C-alpha atoms as a PDB file:
ATOM      1  CA  UNK A   1       4.811  -0.444 -14.431  1.00  0.00           C
ATOM      2  CA  UNK A   2       4.738  -3.479 -11.494  1.00  0.00           C
ATOM      3  CA  UNK A   3       1.394  -5.305 -11.555  1.00  0.00           C
ATOM      4  CA  UNK A   4       2.421  -5.972 -15.443  1.00  0.00           C
ATOM      5  CA  UNK A   5       5.762  -7.083 -14.816  1.00  0.00           C
ATOM      6  CA  UNK A   6       4.195  -9.116 -12.348  1.00  0.00           C
ATOM      7  CA  UNK A   7       1.241 -10.546 -14.857  1.00  0.00           C
ATOM      8  CA  UNK A   8       3.462 -11.711 -17.636  1.00  0.00           C
ATOM      9  CA  UNK A   9       6.265 -13.041 -15.620  1.00  0.00           C
ATOM     10  CA  UNK A  10       8.944 -10.781 -16.902  1.00  0.00           C
ATOM     11  CA  UNK A  11      10.501 -10.755 -13.719  1.00  0.00           C
ATOM     12  CA  UNK A  12       8.607 -12.271 -10.632  1.00  0.00           C
ATOM     13  CA  UNK A  13       8.912 -10.627  -6.839  1.00  0.00           C
ATOM     14  CA  UNK A  14       9.351 -13.485  -4.006  1.00  0.00           C
ATOM     15  CA  UNK A  15       9.245 -11.249  -0.204  1.00  0.00           C
ATOM     16  CA  UNK A  16       9.179 -12.791   2.527  1.00  0.00           C
ATOM     17  CA  UNK A  17       6.979  -9.964   4.332  1.00  0.00           C
ATOM     18  CA  UNK A  18       3.243  -9.136   2.823  1.00  0.00           C
ATOM     19  CA  UNK A  19       2.756  -6.606   2.362  1.00  0.00           C
ATOM     20  CA  UNK A  20      -1.433  -6.406   2.702  1.00  0.00           C
ATOM     21  CA  UNK A  21      -0.287  -7.140   6.280  1.00  0.00           C
ATOM     22  CA  UNK A  22       2.366  -5.207   7.254  1.00  0.00           C
ATOM     23  CA  UNK A  23       1.413  -1.982   5.865  1.00  0.00           C
ATOM     24  CA  UNK A  24       0.064  -0.768   8.744  1.00  0.00           C
ATOM     25  CA  UNK A  25       3.507  -0.809  10.145  1.00  0.00           C
ATOM     26  CA  UNK A  26       5.535  -0.194   7.682  1.00  0.00           C
ATOM     27  CA  UNK A  27       8.053   2.635   6.709  1.00  0.00           C
ATOM     28  CA  UNK A  28       5.987   4.110   4.101  1.00  0.00           C
ATOM     29  CA  UNK A  29       8.185   5.570   1.246  1.00  0.00           C
ATOM     30  CA  UNK A  30       6.511   7.379  -2.172  1.00  0.00           C
ATOM     31  CA  UNK A  31       7.706   8.058  -5.331  1.00  0.00           C
ATOM     32  CA  UNK A  32       8.211  11.331  -6.092  1.00  0.00           C
ATOM     33  CA  UNK A  33       5.456  11.562  -9.012  1.00  0.00           C
ATOM     34  CA  UNK A  34       2.616  10.303  -6.488  1.00  0.00           C
ATOM     35  CA  UNK A  35       0.643  13.031  -5.588  1.00  0.00           C
ATOM     36  CA  UNK A  36       0.611  14.942  -2.343  1.00  0.00           C
ATOM     37  CA  UNK A  37      -3.335  14.602  -2.355  1.00  0.00           C
ATOM     38  CA  UNK A  38      -3.299  10.910  -2.473  1.00  0.00           C
ATOM     39  CA  UNK A  39      -0.260  10.531  -0.061  1.00  0.00           C
ATOM     40  CA  UNK A  40      -2.677  12.285   2.794  1.00  0.00           C
ATOM     41  CA  UNK A  41      -5.412  10.358   1.625  1.00  0.00           C
ATOM     42  CA  UNK A  42      -3.623   7.053   2.216  1.00  0.00           C
ATOM     43  CA  UNK A  43      -1.850   7.830   5.367  1.00  0.00           C
ATOM     44  CA  UNK A  44      -5.486   9.235   6.500  1.00  0.00           C
ATOM     45  CA  UNK A  45      -6.978   5.906   5.951  1.00  0.00           C
ATOM     46  CA  UNK A  46      -3.431   3.971   7.326  1.00  0.00           C
ATOM     47  CA  UNK A  47      -4.348   6.269  10.309  1.00  0.00           C
ATOM     48  CA  UNK A  48      -7.693   5.348  11.175  1.00  0.00           C
ATOM     49  CA  UNK A  49      -6.667   1.261  10.885  1.00  0.00           C
ATOM     50  CA  UNK A  50      -4.681   2.261  13.222  1.00  0.00           C
ATOM     51  CA  UNK A  51      -6.715   3.874  15.721  1.00  0.00           C
ATOM     52  CA  UNK A  52     -10.011   1.150  14.900  1.00  0.00           C
ATOM     53  CA  UNK A  53      -8.339  -2.230  13.384  1.00  0.00           C
ATOM     54  CA  UNK A  54     -11.695  -3.406  12.321  1.00  0.00           C
ATOM     55  CA  UNK A  55     -11.985  -5.469   9.020  1.00  0.00           C
ATOM     56  CA  UNK A  56     -13.906  -2.683   7.302  1.00  0.00           C
ATOM     57  CA  UNK A  57     -10.893  -0.441   8.143  1.00  0.00           C
ATOM     58  CA  UNK A  58      -8.433  -3.254   6.899  1.00  0.00           C
ATOM     59  CA  UNK A  59     -10.244  -3.791   3.325  1.00  0.00           C
ATOM     60  CA  UNK A  60     -10.560   0.315   3.243  1.00  0.00           C
ATOM     61  CA  UNK A  61      -6.753   0.863   3.709  1.00  0.00           C
ATOM     62  CA  UNK A  62      -5.308  -2.326   0.854  1.00  0.00           C
ATOM     63  CA  UNK A  63      -7.699  -1.264  -1.478  1.00  0.00           C
ATOM     64  CA  UNK A  64      -6.227   2.220  -1.200  1.00  0.00           C
ATOM     65  CA  UNK A  65      -2.961   1.286  -1.365  1.00  0.00           C
ATOM     66  CA  UNK A  66      -1.337   3.419  -4.102  1.00  0.00           C
ATOM     67  CA  UNK A  67       0.609   2.271  -6.856  1.00  0.00           C
ATOM     68  CA  UNK A  68       3.162   4.728  -6.006  1.00  0.00           C
ATOM     69  CA  UNK A  69       4.414   3.613  -2.748  1.00  0.00           C
ATOM     70  CA  UNK A  70       7.471   1.250  -2.794  1.00  0.00           C
END
């Protein structure tokens, strides 16, 4: 839903914090409808990035970002 809102400008989000650059240290919360397997997989990707902060691990984390995350 959020990408559609942003794309067609029904609502604009203004944030001083870039999710992409803070994702690995944020207090992550997920929608109740996000599958536990998705949450577990994403948390493992974030953990991997935190252990070895390479560009490859960063990109893997960014592209694995679930839409059920708030």
